[in-house]
Amino acid sequence: MTDDTIRAFDGGAVSKTSAIFRGLWRDGLLAAASWAAAALITVGLPDVVPWGSAGLFAALTGIAAGVFLVLSFVVHRLDRLGSGIIHYGPWFIAIGIWLAVWS
């Protein structure tokens, strides 16, 4: 066994990286990235049609990105609520992508 592996409870060797990321919600990380992209695009690109609420929209999508980032670490501890959030994970990603394209 190398330094990059640890012993699992069942006796099998597991890499440290896979042991760390086993509890992460991958869709939550992707949702955080897509919502953060929407916020950055809103702030970074000039408005073709000024609508006056770009700052608020960027702030709200940035906050949502932060929430998804936190949830990606703790969603597995939320029992029934967490399983509902996990179920809708692909939709959260799709909505973030849609918001990034729309903004």
PDB file of N, CA and C in Angstrom:
ATOM      1  N   MET A   1       0.858  -1.177   0.000  1.00  0.00           N
ATOM      2  CA  MET A   1       0.000   0.000   0.000  1.00  0.00           C
ATOM      3  C   MET A   1       0.899   1.232   0.000  1.00  0.00           C
ATOM      4  N   THR A   2       0.582   2.179  -0.863  1.00  0.00           N
ATOM      5  CA  THR A   2       1.374   3.399  -0.970  1.00  0.00           C
ATOM      6  C   THR A   2       0.857   4.457  -0.008  1.00  0.00           C
ATOM      7  N   ASP A   3       1.551   5.593   0.024  1.00  0.00           N
ATOM      8  CA  ASP A   3       1.132   6.695   0.891  1.00  0.00           C
ATOM      9  C   ASP A   3      -0.160   7.337   0.410  1.00  0.00           C
ATOM     10  N   ASP A   4      -0.517   7.149  -0.872  1.00  0.00           N
ATOM     11  CA  ASP A   4      -1.712   7.768  -1.433  1.00  0.00           C
ATOM     12  C   ASP A   4      -2.965   6.947  -1.192  1.00  0.00           C
ATOM     13  N   THR A   5      -2.864   5.851  -0.474  1.00  0.00           N
ATOM     14  CA  THR A   5      -4.034   5.016  -0.214  1.00  0.00           C
ATOM     15  C   THR A   5      -4.250   4.871   1.279  1.00  0.00           C
ATOM     16  N   ILE A   6      -5.482   4.608   1.642  1.00  0.00           N
ATOM     17  CA  ILE A   6      -5.830   4.326   3.027  1.00  0.00           C
ATOM     18  C   ILE A   6      -6.640   3.048   3.057  1.00  0.00           C
ATOM     19  N   ARG A   7      -6.746   2.433   4.181  1.00  0.00           N
ATOM     20  CA  ARG A   7      -7.500   1.205   4.309  1.00  0.00           C
ATOM     21  C   ARG A   7      -8.964   1.523   4.580  1.00  0.00           C
ATOM     22  N   ALA A   8      -9.849   0.928   3.797  1.00  0.00           N
ATOM     23  CA  ALA A   8     -11.284   1.078   4.023  1.00  0.00           C
ATOM     24  C   ALA A   8     -11.703   0.094   5.098  1.00  0.00           C
ATOM     25  N   PHE A   9     -12.905   0.248   5.619  1.00  0.00           N
ATOM     26  CA  PHE A   9     -13.396  -0.630   6.667  1.00  0.00           C
ATOM     27  C   PHE A   9     -13.534  -2.072   6.203  1.00  0.00           C
ATOM     28  N   ASP A  10     -13.765  -2.269   4.930  1.00  0.00           N
ATOM     29  CA  ASP A  10     -13.905  -3.629   4.425  1.00  0.00           C
ATOM     30  C   ASP A  10     -12.561  -4.251   4.065  1.00  0.00           C
ATOM     31  N   GLY A  11     -11.471  -3.552   4.344  1.00  0.00           N
ATOM     32  CA  GLY A  11     -10.146  -4.087   4.103  1.00  0.00           C
ATOM     33  C   GLY A  11      -9.569  -3.708   2.764  1.00  0.00           C
ATOM     34  N   GLY A  12     -10.366  -3.120   1.872  1.00  0.00           N
ATOM     35  CA  GLY A  12      -9.864  -2.723   0.555  1.00  0.00           C
ATOM     36  C   GLY A  12      -9.134  -1.398   0.630  1.00  0.00           C
ATOM     37  N   ALA A  13      -8.214  -1.217  -0.285  1.00  0.00           N
ATOM     38  CA  ALA A  13      -7.466   0.034  -0.337  1.00  0.00           C
ATOM     39  C   ALA A  13      -8.254   1.067  -1.134  1.00  0.00           C
ATOM     40  N   VAL A  14      -8.346   2.266  -0.601  1.00  0.00           N
ATOM     41  CA  VAL A  14      -9.045   3.376  -1.247  1.00  0.00           C
ATOM     42  C   VAL A  14      -8.077   4.545  -1.285  1.00  0.00           C
ATOM     43  N   SER A  15      -8.011   5.244  -2.414  1.00  0.00           N
ATOM     44  CA  SER A  15      -7.106   6.385  -2.477  1.00  0.00           C
ATOM     45  C   SER A  15      -7.639   7.501  -1.579  1.00  0.00           C
ATOM     46  N   LYS A  16      -6.741   8.328  -1.089  1.00  0.00           N
ATOM     47  CA  LYS A  16      -7.139   9.438  -0.219  1.00  0.00           C
ATOM     48  C   LYS A  16      -8.072  10.386  -0.951  1.00  0.00           C
ATOM     49  N   THR A  17      -7.802  10.607  -2.230  1.00  0.00           N
ATOM     50  CA  THR A  17      -8.639  11.509  -3.010  1.00  0.00           C
ATOM     51  C   THR A  17     -10.060  10.991  -3.105  1.00  0.00           C
ATOM     52  N   SER A  18     -10.232   9.718  -3.389  1.00  0.00           N
ATOM     53  CA  SER A  18     -11.587   9.188  -3.496  1.00  0.00           C
ATOM     54  C   SER A  18     -12.274   9.156  -2.137  1.00  0.00           C
ATOM     55  N   ALA A  19     -11.529   8.974  -1.062  1.00  0.00           N
ATOM     56  CA  ALA A  19     -12.127   8.988   0.269  1.00  0.00           C
ATOM     57  C   ALA A  19     -12.606  10.387   0.637  1.00  0.00           C
ATOM     58  N   ILE A  20     -11.868  11.407   0.223  1.00  0.00           N
ATOM     59  CA  ILE A  20     -12.255  12.786   0.525  1.00  0.00           C
ATOM     60  C   ILE A  20     -13.480  13.179  -0.276  1.00  0.00           C
ATOM     61  N   PHE A  21     -13.493  12.830  -1.568  1.00  0.00           N
ATOM     62  CA  PHE A  21     -14.570  13.257  -2.447  1.00  0.00           C
ATOM     63  C   PHE A  21     -15.769  12.328  -2.443  1.00  0.00           C
ATOM     64  N   ARG A  22     -15.732  11.259  -1.683  1.00  0.00           N
ATOM     65  CA  ARG A  22     -16.854  10.338  -1.637  1.00  0.00           C
ATOM     66  C   ARG A  22     -18.104  11.002  -1.088  1.00  0.00           C
ATOM     67  N   GLY A  23     -17.979  11.897  -0.129  1.00  0.00           N
ATOM     68  CA  GLY A  23     -19.123  12.555   0.475  1.00  0.00           C
ATOM     69  C   GLY A  23     -19.591  13.801  -0.248  1.00  0.00           C
ATOM     70  N   LEU A  24     -18.932  14.192  -1.327  1.00  0.00           N
ATOM     71  CA  LEU A  24     -19.325  15.391  -2.052  1.00  0.00           C
ATOM     72  C   LEU A  24     -20.472  15.107  -3.017  1.00  0.00           C
ATOM     73  N   TRP A  25     -21.327  16.085  -3.161  1.00  0.00           N
ATOM     74  CA  TRP A  25     -22.422  16.012  -4.121  1.00  0.00           C
ATOM     75  C   TRP A  25     -21.934  16.671  -5.400  1.00  0.00           C
ATOM     76  N   ARG A  26     -21.619  15.848  -6.400  1.00  0.00           N
ATOM     77  CA  ARG A  26     -21.034  16.325  -7.648  1.00  0.00           C
ATOM     78  C   ARG A  26     -21.957  17.297  -8.367  1.00  0.00           C
ATOM     79  N   ASP A  27     -23.259  16.992  -8.424  1.00  0.00           N
ATOM     80  CA  ASP A  27     -24.197  17.894  -9.085  1.00  0.00           C
ATOM     81  C   ASP A  27     -24.264  19.250  -8.384  1.00  0.00           C
ATOM     82  N   GLY A  28     -24.058  19.275  -7.081  1.00  0.00           N
ATOM     83  CA  GLY A  28     -24.034  20.536  -6.349  1.00  0.00           C
ATOM     84  C   GLY A  28     -22.852  21.392  -6.750  1.00  0.00           C
ATOM     85  N   LEU A  29     -21.706  20.756  -6.957  1.00  0.00           N
ATOM     86  CA  LEU A  29     -20.535  21.505  -7.415  1.00  0.00           C
ATOM     87  C   LEU A  29     -20.762  22.053  -8.820  1.00  0.00           C
ATOM     88  N   LEU A  30     -21.363  21.238  -9.690  1.00  0.00           N
ATOM     89  CA  LEU A  30     -21.652  21.697 -11.052  1.00  0.00           C
ATOM     90  C   LEU A  30     -22.710  22.801 -11.052  1.00  0.00           C
ATOM     91  N   ALA A  31     -23.707  22.683 -10.183  1.00  0.00           N
ATOM     92  CA  ALA A  31     -24.721  23.738 -10.073  1.00  0.00           C
ATOM     93  C   ALA A  31     -24.082  25.029  -9.577  1.00  0.00           C
ATOM     94  N   ALA A  32     -23.193  24.923  -8.593  1.00  0.00           N
ATOM     95  CA  ALA A  32     -22.498  26.120  -8.092  1.00  0.00           C
ATOM     96  C   ALA A  32     -21.687  26.773  -9.206  1.00  0.00           C
ATOM     97  N   ALA A  33     -21.040  25.956 -10.022  1.00  0.00           N
ATOM     98  CA  ALA A  33     -20.239  26.503 -11.125  1.00  0.00           C
ATOM     99  C   ALA A  33     -21.116  27.188 -12.165  1.00  0.00           C
ATOM    100  N   SER A  34     -22.259  26.583 -12.494  1.00  0.00           N
ATOM    101  CA  SER A  34     -23.123  27.189 -13.517  1.00  0.00           C
ATOM    102  C   SER A  34     -23.767  28.478 -13.014  1.00  0.00           C
ATOM    103  N   TRP A  35     -24.178  28.510 -11.751  1.00  0.00           N
ATOM    104  CA  TRP A  35     -24.769  29.734 -11.194  1.00  0.00           C
ATOM    105  C   TRP A  35     -23.706  30.822 -11.025  1.00  0.00           C
ATOM    106  N   ALA A  36     -22.477  30.433 -10.664  1.00  0.00           N
ATOM    107  CA  ALA A  36     -21.395  31.414 -10.565  1.00  0.00           C
ATOM    108  C   ALA A  36     -21.057  31.964 -11.948  1.00  0.00           C
ATOM    109  N   ALA A  37     -21.110  31.105 -12.956  1.00  0.00           N
ATOM    110  CA  ALA A  37     -20.872  31.575 -14.329  1.00  0.00           C
ATOM    111  C   ALA A  37     -21.926  32.594 -14.737  1.00  0.00           C
ATOM    112  N   ALA A  38     -23.180  32.355 -14.359  1.00  0.00           N
ATOM    113  CA  ALA A  38     -24.239  33.317 -14.670  1.00  0.00           C
ATOM    114  C   ALA A  38     -23.957  34.662 -14.007  1.00  0.00           C
ATOM    115  N   ALA A  39     -23.488  34.628 -12.752  1.00  0.00           N
ATOM    116  CA  ALA A  39     -23.168  35.875 -12.052  1.00  0.00           C
ATOM    117  C   ALA A  39     -22.001  36.588 -12.723  1.00  0.00           C
ATOM    118  N   LEU A  40     -20.958  35.850 -13.078  1.00  0.00           N
ATOM    119  CA  LEU A  40     -19.788  36.466 -13.696  1.00  0.00           C
ATOM    120  C   LEU A  40     -20.086  37.015 -15.086  1.00  0.00           C
ATOM    121  N   ILE A  41     -20.902  36.303 -15.843  1.00  0.00           N
ATOM    122  CA  ILE A  41     -21.281  36.785 -17.173  1.00  0.00           C
ATOM    123  C   ILE A  41     -22.104  38.066 -17.048  1.00  0.00           C
ATOM    124  N   THR A  42     -22.996  38.101 -16.078  1.00  0.00           N
ATOM    125  CA  THR A  42     -23.819  39.290 -15.873  1.00  0.00           C
ATOM    126  C   THR A  42     -22.964  40.507 -15.539  1.00  0.00           C
ATOM    127  N   VAL A  43     -21.966  40.308 -14.700  1.00  0.00           N
ATOM    128  CA  VAL A  43     -21.103  41.419 -14.301  1.00  0.00           C
ATOM    129  C   VAL A  43     -20.089  41.756 -15.394  1.00  0.00           C
ATOM    130  N   GLY A  44     -19.562  40.717 -16.058  1.00  0.00           N
ATOM    131  CA  GLY A  44     -18.455  40.920 -16.976  1.00  0.00           C
ATOM    132  C   GLY A  44     -18.807  41.417 -18.356  1.00  0.00           C
ATOM    133  N   LEU A  45     -19.953  41.048 -18.867  1.00  0.00           N
ATOM    134  CA  LEU A  45     -20.311  41.455 -20.223  1.00  0.00           C
ATOM    135  C   LEU A  45     -21.168  42.714 -20.197  1.00  0.00           C
ATOM    136  N   PRO A  46     -20.981  43.583 -21.162  1.00  0.00           N
ATOM    137  CA  PRO A  46     -21.798  44.806 -21.195  1.00  0.00           C
ATOM    138  C   PRO A  46     -23.244  44.481 -21.578  1.00  0.00           C
ATOM    139  N   ASP A  47     -24.158  45.283 -21.044  1.00  0.00           N
ATOM    140  CA  ASP A  47     -25.579  45.101 -21.358  1.00  0.00           C
ATOM    141  C   ASP A  47     -25.881  45.655 -22.740  1.00  0.00           C
ATOM    142  N   VAL A  48     -26.548  44.857 -23.550  1.00  0.00           N
ATOM    143  CA  VAL A  48     -27.005  45.330 -24.855  1.00  0.00           C
ATOM    144  C   VAL A  48     -28.223  46.223 -24.643  1.00  0.00           C
ATOM    145  N   VAL A  49     -29.117  45.755 -23.792  1.00  0.00           N
ATOM    146  CA  VAL A  49     -30.299  46.531 -23.420  1.00  0.00           C
ATOM    147  C   VAL A  49     -30.216  46.760 -21.910  1.00  0.00           C
ATOM    148  N   PRO A  50     -29.933  47.966 -21.463  1.00  0.00           N
ATOM    149  CA  PRO A  50     -29.836  48.200 -20.018  1.00  0.00           C
ATOM    150  C   PRO A  50     -31.187  48.004 -19.337  1.00  0.00           C
ATOM    151  N   TRP A  51     -31.213  47.164 -18.350  1.00  0.00           N
ATOM    152  CA  TRP A  51     -32.471  46.892 -17.664  1.00  0.00           C
ATOM    153  C   TRP A  51     -32.425  47.264 -16.197  1.00  0.00           C
ATOM    154  N   GLY A  52     -31.295  47.734 -15.700  1.00  0.00           N
ATOM    155  CA  GLY A  52     -31.226  48.337 -14.384  1.00  0.00           C
ATOM    156  C   GLY A  52     -31.077  47.410 -13.203  1.00  0.00           C
ATOM    157  N   SER A  53     -31.273  46.130 -13.368  1.00  0.00           N
ATOM    158  CA  SER A  53     -31.185  45.213 -12.239  1.00  0.00           C
ATOM    159  C   SER A  53     -30.078  44.186 -12.402  1.00  0.00           C
ATOM    160  N   ALA A  54     -29.103  44.470 -13.220  1.00  0.00           N
ATOM    161  CA  ALA A  54     -28.026  43.513 -13.458  1.00  0.00           C
ATOM    162  C   ALA A  54     -27.235  43.231 -12.183  1.00  0.00           C
ATOM    163  N   GLY A  55     -27.006  44.249 -11.388  1.00  0.00           N
ATOM    164  CA  GLY A  55     -26.273  44.054 -10.132  1.00  0.00           C
ATOM    165  C   GLY A  55     -27.012  43.157  -9.164  1.00  0.00           C
ATOM    166  N   LEU A  56     -28.313  43.367  -9.043  1.00  0.00           N
ATOM    167  CA  LEU A  56     -29.127  42.528  -8.166  1.00  0.00           C
ATOM    168  C   LEU A  56     -29.160  41.097  -8.671  1.00  0.00           C
ATOM    169  N   PHE A  57     -29.320  40.918  -9.970  1.00  0.00           N
ATOM    170  CA  PHE A  57     -29.344  39.579 -10.555  1.00  0.00           C
ATOM    171  C   PHE A  57     -28.012  38.870 -10.322  1.00  0.00           C
ATOM    172  N   ALA A  58     -26.900  39.573 -10.516  1.00  0.00           N
ATOM    173  CA  ALA A  58     -25.585  38.988 -10.284  1.00  0.00           C
ATOM    174  C   ALA A  58     -25.405  38.609  -8.818  1.00  0.00           C
ATOM    175  N   ALA A  59     -25.879  39.458  -7.914  1.00  0.00           N
ATOM    176  CA  ALA A  59     -25.769  39.154  -6.488  1.00  0.00           C
ATOM    177  C   ALA A  59     -26.583  37.922  -6.116  1.00  0.00           C
ATOM    178  N   LEU A  60     -27.803  37.833  -6.628  1.00  0.00           N
ATOM    179  CA  LEU A  60     -28.654  36.691  -6.300  1.00  0.00           C
ATOM    180  C   LEU A  60     -28.106  35.384  -6.867  1.00  0.00           C
ATOM    181  N   THR A  61     -27.611  35.416  -8.102  1.00  0.00           N
ATOM    182  CA  THR A  61     -27.043  34.196  -8.666  1.00  0.00           C
ATOM    183  C   THR A  61     -25.722  33.838  -7.971  1.00  0.00           C
ATOM    184  N   GLY A  62     -24.978  34.826  -7.538  1.00  0.00           N
ATOM    185  CA  GLY A  62     -23.759  34.552  -6.773  1.00  0.00           C
ATOM    186  C   GLY A  62     -24.062  33.933  -5.416  1.00  0.00           C
ATOM    187  N   ILE A  63     -25.105  34.430  -4.758  1.00  0.00           N
ATOM    188  CA  ILE A  63     -25.525  33.841  -3.478  1.00  0.00           C
ATOM    189  C   ILE A  63     -25.988  32.410  -3.682  1.00  0.00           C
ATOM    190  N   ALA A  64     -26.750  32.170  -4.740  1.00  0.00           N
ATOM    191  CA  ALA A  64     -27.204  30.805  -5.029  1.00  0.00           C
ATOM    192  C   ALA A  64     -26.019  29.890  -5.294  1.00  0.00           C
ATOM    193  N   ALA A  65     -24.989  30.391  -5.988  1.00  0.00           N
ATOM    194  CA  ALA A  65     -23.784  29.594  -6.224  1.00  0.00           C
ATOM    195  C   ALA A  65     -23.127  29.214  -4.900  1.00  0.00           C
ATOM    196  N   GLY A  66     -23.074  30.153  -3.975  1.00  0.00           N
ATOM    197  CA  GLY A  66     -22.514  29.867  -2.658  1.00  0.00           C
ATOM    198  C   GLY A  66     -23.327  28.839  -1.889  1.00  0.00           C
ATOM    199  N   VAL A  67     -24.640  28.937  -1.996  1.00  0.00           N
ATOM    200  CA  VAL A  67     -25.516  27.968  -1.320  1.00  0.00           C
ATOM    201  C   VAL A  67     -25.288  26.572  -1.891  1.00  0.00           C
ATOM    202  N   PHE A  68     -25.206  26.468  -3.223  1.00  0.00           N
ATOM    203  CA  PHE A  68     -24.962  25.163  -3.834  1.00  0.00           C
ATOM    204  C   PHE A  68     -23.584  24.623  -3.466  1.00  0.00           C
ATOM    205  N   LEU A  69     -22.610  25.489  -3.335  1.00  0.00           N
ATOM    206  CA  LEU A  69     -21.279  25.056  -2.932  1.00  0.00           C
ATOM    207  C   LEU A  69     -21.308  24.475  -1.517  1.00  0.00           C
ATOM    208  N   VAL A  70     -21.968  25.156  -0.601  1.00  0.00           N
ATOM    209  CA  VAL A  70     -22.086  24.648   0.769  1.00  0.00           C
ATOM    210  C   VAL A  70     -22.888  23.346   0.783  1.00  0.00           C
ATOM    211  N   LEU A  71     -23.980  23.316   0.023  1.00  0.00           N
ATOM    212  CA  LEU A  71     -24.799  22.108  -0.020  1.00  0.00           C
ATOM    213  C   LEU A  71     -24.034  20.909  -0.568  1.00  0.00           C
ATOM    214  N   SER A  72     -23.096  21.139  -1.461  1.00  0.00           N
ATOM    215  CA  SER A  72     -22.357  20.015  -2.023  1.00  0.00           C
ATOM    216  C   SER A  72     -21.551  19.283  -0.955  1.00  0.00           C
ATOM    217  N   PHE A  73     -21.259  19.936   0.153  1.00  0.00           N
ATOM    218  CA  PHE A  73     -20.535  19.291   1.244  1.00  0.00           C
ATOM    219  C   PHE A  73     -21.453  18.723   2.325  1.00  0.00           C
ATOM    220  N   VAL A  74     -22.650  19.281   2.492  1.00  0.00           N
ATOM    221  CA  VAL A  74     -23.491  18.884   3.629  1.00  0.00           C
ATOM    222  C   VAL A  74     -24.813  18.241   3.245  1.00  0.00           C
ATOM    223  N   VAL A  75     -25.126  18.131   1.959  1.00  0.00           N
ATOM    224  CA  VAL A  75     -26.444  17.657   1.557  1.00  0.00           C
ATOM    225  C   VAL A  75     -26.707  16.219   2.009  1.00  0.00           C
ATOM    226  N   HIS A  76     -25.659  15.414   2.132  1.00  0.00           N
ATOM    227  CA  HIS A  76     -25.848  14.023   2.542  1.00  0.00           C
ATOM    228  C   HIS A  76     -26.214  13.899   4.020  1.00  0.00           C
ATOM    229  N   ARG A  77     -26.099  14.969   4.756  1.00  0.00           N
ATOM    230  CA  ARG A  77     -26.458  14.956   6.179  1.00  0.00           C
ATOM    231  C   ARG A  77     -27.877  15.479   6.432  1.00  0.00           C
ATOM    232  N   LEU A  78     -28.587  15.856   5.389  1.00  0.00           N
ATOM    233  CA  LEU A  78     -29.902  16.470   5.548  1.00  0.00           C
ATOM    234  C   LEU A  78     -31.055  15.487   5.425  1.00  0.00           C
ATOM    235  N   ASP A  79     -30.776  14.201   5.439  1.00  0.00           N
ATOM    236  CA  ASP A  79     -31.777  13.131   5.389  1.00  0.00           C
ATOM    237  C   ASP A  79     -32.765  13.308   4.245  1.00  0.00           C
ATOM    238  N   ARG A  80     -34.038  13.427   4.582  1.00  0.00           N
ATOM    239  CA  ARG A  80     -35.094  13.465   3.558  1.00  0.00           C
ATOM    240  C   ARG A  80     -35.021  14.723   2.683  1.00  0.00           C
ATOM    241  N   LEU A  81     -34.764  15.861   3.283  1.00  0.00           N
ATOM    242  CA  LEU A  81     -34.615  17.096   2.527  1.00  0.00           C
ATOM    243  C   LEU A  81     -33.425  16.993   1.576  1.00  0.00           C
ATOM    244  N   GLY A  82     -32.346  16.406   2.060  1.00  0.00           N
ATOM    245  CA  GLY A  82     -31.164  16.231   1.233  1.00  0.00           C
ATOM    246  C   GLY A  82     -31.407  15.323   0.046  1.00  0.00           C
ATOM    247  N   SER A  83     -32.191  14.266   0.238  1.00  0.00           N
ATOM    248  CA  SER A  83     -32.473  13.375  -0.896  1.00  0.00           C
ATOM    249  C   SER A  83     -33.333  14.080  -1.944  1.00  0.00           C
ATOM    250  N   GLY A  84     -34.205  14.968  -1.529  1.00  0.00           N
ATOM    251  CA  GLY A  84     -34.986  15.754  -2.484  1.00  0.00           C
ATOM    252  C   GLY A  84     -34.122  16.722  -3.258  1.00  0.00           C
ATOM    253  N   ILE A  85     -33.174  17.356  -2.563  1.00  0.00           N
ATOM    254  CA  ILE A  85     -32.255  18.282  -3.219  1.00  0.00           C
ATOM    255  C   ILE A  85     -31.375  17.529  -4.212  1.00  0.00           C
ATOM    256  N   ILE A  86     -30.891  16.363  -3.815  1.00  0.00           N
ATOM    257  CA  ILE A  86     -30.053  15.549  -4.704  1.00  0.00           C
ATOM    258  C   ILE A  86     -30.838  15.139  -5.941  1.00  0.00           C
ATOM    259  N   HIS A  87     -32.108  14.797  -5.760  1.00  0.00           N
ATOM    260  CA  HIS A  87     -32.946  14.375  -6.886  1.00  0.00           C
ATOM    261  C   HIS A  87     -33.051  15.472  -7.948  1.00  0.00           C
ATOM    262  N   TYR A  88     -33.162  16.710  -7.526  1.00  0.00           N
ATOM    263  CA  TYR A  88     -33.322  17.818  -8.463  1.00  0.00           C
ATOM    264  C   TYR A  88     -31.994  18.444  -8.884  1.00  0.00           C
ATOM    265  N   GLY A  89     -30.880  17.844  -8.541  1.00  0.00           N
ATOM    266  CA  GLY A  89     -29.559  18.366  -8.876  1.00  0.00           C
ATOM    267  C   GLY A  89     -29.352  18.686 -10.346  1.00  0.00           C
ATOM    268  N   PRO A  90     -29.704  17.774 -11.267  1.00  0.00           N
ATOM    269  CA  PRO A  90     -29.527  18.098 -12.688  1.00  0.00           C
ATOM    270  C   PRO A  90     -30.343  19.316 -13.125  1.00  0.00           C
ATOM    271  N   TRP A  91     -31.497  19.529 -12.529  1.00  0.00           N
ATOM    272  CA  TRP A  91     -32.300  20.708 -12.858  1.00  0.00           C
ATOM    273  C   TRP A  91     -31.620  21.983 -12.380  1.00  0.00           C
ATOM    274  N   PHE A  92     -30.990  21.932 -11.213  1.00  0.00           N
ATOM    275  CA  PHE A  92     -30.270  23.108 -10.719  1.00  0.00           C
ATOM    276  C   PHE A  92     -29.127  23.473 -11.655  1.00  0.00           C
ATOM    277  N   ILE A  93     -28.454  22.459 -12.198  1.00  0.00           N
ATOM    278  CA  ILE A  93     -27.388  22.711 -13.170  1.00  0.00           C
ATOM    279  C   ILE A  93     -27.969  23.344 -14.428  1.00  0.00           C
ATOM    280  N   ALA A  94     -29.046  22.760 -14.934  1.00  0.00           N
ATOM    281  CA  ALA A  94     -29.666  23.260 -16.169  1.00  0.00           C
ATOM    282  C   ALA A  94     -30.165  24.691 -16.008  1.00  0.00           C
ATOM    283  N   ILE A  95     -30.755  25.001 -14.868  1.00  0.00           N
ATOM    284  CA  ILE A  95     -31.238  26.365 -14.630  1.00  0.00           C
ATOM    285  C   ILE A  95     -30.068  27.341 -14.583  1.00  0.00           C
ATOM    286  N   GLY A  96     -28.962  26.943 -13.942  1.00  0.00           N
ATOM    287  CA  GLY A  96     -27.786  27.804 -13.910  1.00  0.00           C
ATOM    288  C   GLY A  96     -27.230  28.061 -15.297  1.00  0.00           C
ATOM    289  N   ILE A  97     -27.187  27.027 -16.131  1.00  0.00           N
ATOM    290  CA  ILE A  97     -26.716  27.195 -17.502  1.00  0.00           C
ATOM    291  C   ILE A  97     -27.670  28.110 -18.276  1.00  0.00           C
ATOM    292  N   TRP A  98     -28.973  27.902 -18.093  1.00  0.00           N
ATOM    293  CA  TRP A  98     -29.960  28.744 -18.767  1.00  0.00           C
ATOM    294  C   TRP A  98     -29.797  30.204 -18.355  1.00  0.00           C
ATOM    295  N   LEU A  99     -29.599  30.450 -17.072  1.00  0.00           N
ATOM    296  CA  LEU A  99     -29.408  31.820 -16.598  1.00  0.00           C
ATOM    297  C   LEU A  99     -28.137  32.431 -17.167  1.00  0.00           C
ATOM    298  N   ALA A 100     -27.091  31.624 -17.311  1.00  0.00           N
ATOM    299  CA  ALA A 100     -25.845  32.137 -17.883  1.00  0.00           C
ATOM    300  C   ALA A 100     -26.031  32.503 -19.353  1.00  0.00           C
ATOM    301  N   VAL A 101     -26.770  31.687 -20.084  1.00  0.00           N
ATOM    302  CA  VAL A 101     -27.018  31.985 -21.492  1.00  0.00           C
ATOM    303  C   VAL A 101     -27.951  33.179 -21.633  1.00  0.00           C
ATOM    304  N   TRP A 102     -28.948  33.260 -20.776  1.00  0.00           N
ATOM    305  CA  TRP A 102     -29.942  34.337 -20.828  1.00  0.00           C
ATOM    306  C   TRP A 102     -29.335  35.687 -20.482  1.00  0.00           C
ATOM    307  N   SER A 103     -28.418  35.686 -19.506  1.00  0.00           N
ATOM    308  CA  SER A 103     -27.860  36.972 -19.084  1.00  0.00           C
ATOM    309  C   SER A 103     -26.816  37.407 -20.067  1.00  0.00           C
TER     310      SER A 103
END
